[in-house]
Amino acid sequence: MLDLVRTGQQWTLLSSSDTMNEFIRVLAYQKFGLTPIEIEPLVADLRQHSIFVQVRSKLHIIQNDPTDNIFLNLAVDGKAELLVSGGRHLLDLKAFHGLPIVSVRSFLRIAVVS
C-alpha cells in the first residue's frame, strides 16, 4: 500500500501526531517481533511519504475502541476521500459522513482498477 503512495500519482497518505504514535505502539507489539531500531526506519518512511495534518477534531464515535477515533479525526480534518483500516470497529462503520471506510484488501482492489 505504501508503494502506491510513494508514486504520488493518485493516493495521498495522511498522518498526525496521534496516528504516528499509534503506529509506533502497534509495531512494538511482541507479535511483530520488531526492535525499536527496526521500527525507526518504518516510521521515518511513513513520515516522509505522508502529509502531516494538525488534528483539531475530537470526535468520539467509536466507544468499543476509543483509540480508533484518532483515525476518524484525522480523516475529517485532513479532508480524506477514503479511510483504509484493518480495525474491526472502523470497518463496521462502513462509512462516516460520506467517507467510505474500507479494508486494505478492498483498497488494493480499488487502487488496481484506478
Protein backbone atom coordinates (compact mmCIF):
# COMPACT_ATOMS: atom_id res chain seq x y z
CA MET A 1 0.00 0.00 0.00
CA LEU A 2 2.82 2.39 0.83
CA ASP A 3 4.29 1.67 -2.59
CA LEU A 4 1.16 3.18 -4.17
CA VAL A 5 1.54 6.27 -2.00
CA ARG A 6 5.23 6.60 -2.86
CA THR A 7 4.41 7.04 -6.54
CA GLY A 8 2.41 10.12 -5.58
CA GLN A 9 0.26 9.69 -8.65
CA GLN A 10 -3.18 9.23 -7.12
CA TRP A 11 -3.09 8.40 -3.43
CA THR A 12 -2.01 10.61 -0.58
CA LEU A 13 -1.36 9.30 2.91
CA LEU A 14 -2.33 11.49 5.85
CA SER A 15 -0.74 11.32 9.29
CA SER A 16 -0.93 13.11 12.61
CA SER A 17 0.91 13.01 15.91
CA ASP A 18 -1.67 10.64 17.35
CA THR A 19 -1.70 8.26 14.38
CA MET A 20 2.10 8.14 14.26
CA ASN A 21 2.22 7.33 17.97
CA GLU A 22 -0.37 4.59 17.45
CA PHE A 23 1.67 3.19 14.53
CA ILE A 24 4.74 3.02 16.76
CA ARG A 25 2.76 1.45 19.62
CA VAL A 26 1.30 -1.25 17.37
CA LEU A 27 4.61 -2.05 15.68
CA ALA A 28 6.08 -2.64 19.14
CA TYR A 29 3.62 -5.49 19.81
CA GLN A 30 5.50 -8.68 20.53
CA LYS A 31 3.68 -10.49 17.71
CA PHE A 32 5.57 -8.36 15.15
CA GLY A 33 8.93 -9.12 16.74
CA LEU A 34 10.40 -5.71 15.89
CA THR A 35 13.00 -3.90 17.94
CA PRO A 36 12.99 -0.11 18.34
CA ILE A 37 15.90 0.03 15.89
CA GLU A 38 13.83 -1.87 13.30
CA ILE A 39 10.76 0.30 13.92
CA GLU A 40 12.62 3.58 13.43
CA PRO A 41 13.12 3.36 9.63
CA LEU A 42 9.49 2.26 9.15
CA VAL A 43 8.31 5.35 10.99
CA ALA A 44 10.72 7.58 9.06
CA ASP A 45 9.46 6.15 5.76
CA LEU A 46 5.86 6.75 6.77
CA ARG A 47 6.62 10.33 7.82
CA GLN A 48 8.44 11.01 4.56
CA HIS A 49 5.55 9.80 2.42
CA SER A 50 2.62 11.30 4.29
CA ILE A 51 1.11 14.72 4.68
CA PHE A 52 1.06 15.79 8.30
CA VAL A 53 -2.28 17.16 9.49
CA GLN A 54 -2.84 19.22 12.64
CA VAL A 55 -5.90 17.47 14.02
CA ARG A 56 -8.35 19.63 15.93
CA SER A 57 -11.45 17.42 15.83
CA LYS A 58 -12.28 15.46 18.95
CA LEU A 59 -14.91 13.03 17.68
CA HIS A 60 -15.82 10.13 19.98
CA ILE A 61 -17.84 7.90 17.67
CA ILE A 62 -16.28 4.52 18.44
CA GLN A 63 -16.90 3.50 22.04
CA ASN A 64 -15.53 -0.09 21.95
CA ASP A 65 -12.04 1.00 20.90
CA PRO A 66 -11.67 4.74 21.55
CA THR A 67 -8.19 4.81 20.00
CA ASP A 68 -9.82 4.28 16.59
CA ASN A 69 -11.33 7.75 16.86
CA ILE A 70 -7.93 9.29 16.08
CA PHE A 71 -8.26 7.94 12.54
CA LEU A 72 -11.73 9.43 12.10
CA ASN A 73 -10.47 12.77 13.42
CA LEU A 74 -7.53 12.69 11.01
CA ALA A 75 -9.77 11.79 8.09
CA VAL A 76 -12.18 14.62 8.87
CA ASP A 77 -9.54 17.31 9.42
CA GLY A 78 -7.41 16.07 6.53
CA LYS A 79 -10.46 16.05 4.23
CA ALA A 80 -9.79 12.44 3.29
CA GLU A 81 -11.71 10.83 0.46
CA LEU A 82 -11.21 7.31 1.80
CA LEU A 83 -10.20 5.75 5.11
CA VAL A 84 -8.27 2.48 4.91
CA SER A 85 -8.20 0.38 8.06
CA GLY A 86 -7.67 -3.08 9.42
CA GLY A 87 -9.59 -2.20 12.56
CA ARG A 88 -12.86 -4.05 13.00
CA HIS A 89 -14.60 -1.15 14.75
CA LEU A 90 -13.81 1.28 11.95
CA LEU A 91 -14.69 -1.24 9.25
CA ASP A 92 -18.03 -1.94 10.95
CA LEU A 93 -18.98 1.70 10.32
CA LYS A 94 -18.52 1.16 6.54
CA ALA A 95 -18.73 4.95 6.10
CA PHE A 96 -18.69 8.09 8.17
CA HIS A 97 -20.39 11.26 6.92
CA GLY A 98 -19.95 10.14 3.32
CA LEU A 99 -16.35 8.97 3.87
CA PRO A 100 -16.00 5.32 2.80
CA ILE A 101 -14.10 3.11 5.25
CA VAL A 102 -12.50 0.11 3.56
CA SER A 103 -10.12 -2.73 4.36
CA VAL A 104 -6.60 -2.83 2.97
CA ARG A 105 -7.68 -5.64 0.64
CA SER A 106 -10.56 -3.53 -0.72
CA PHE A 107 -8.29 -0.53 -1.11
CA LEU A 108 -5.80 -2.57 -3.13
CA ARG A 109 -8.63 -3.71 -5.42
CA ILE A 110 -9.75 -0.08 -5.86
CA ALA A 111 -6.19 1.09 -6.47
CA VAL A 112 -5.51 -1.52 -9.14
CA VAL A 113 -8.68 -0.54 -11.03
CA SER A 114 -7.91 3.20 -10.80
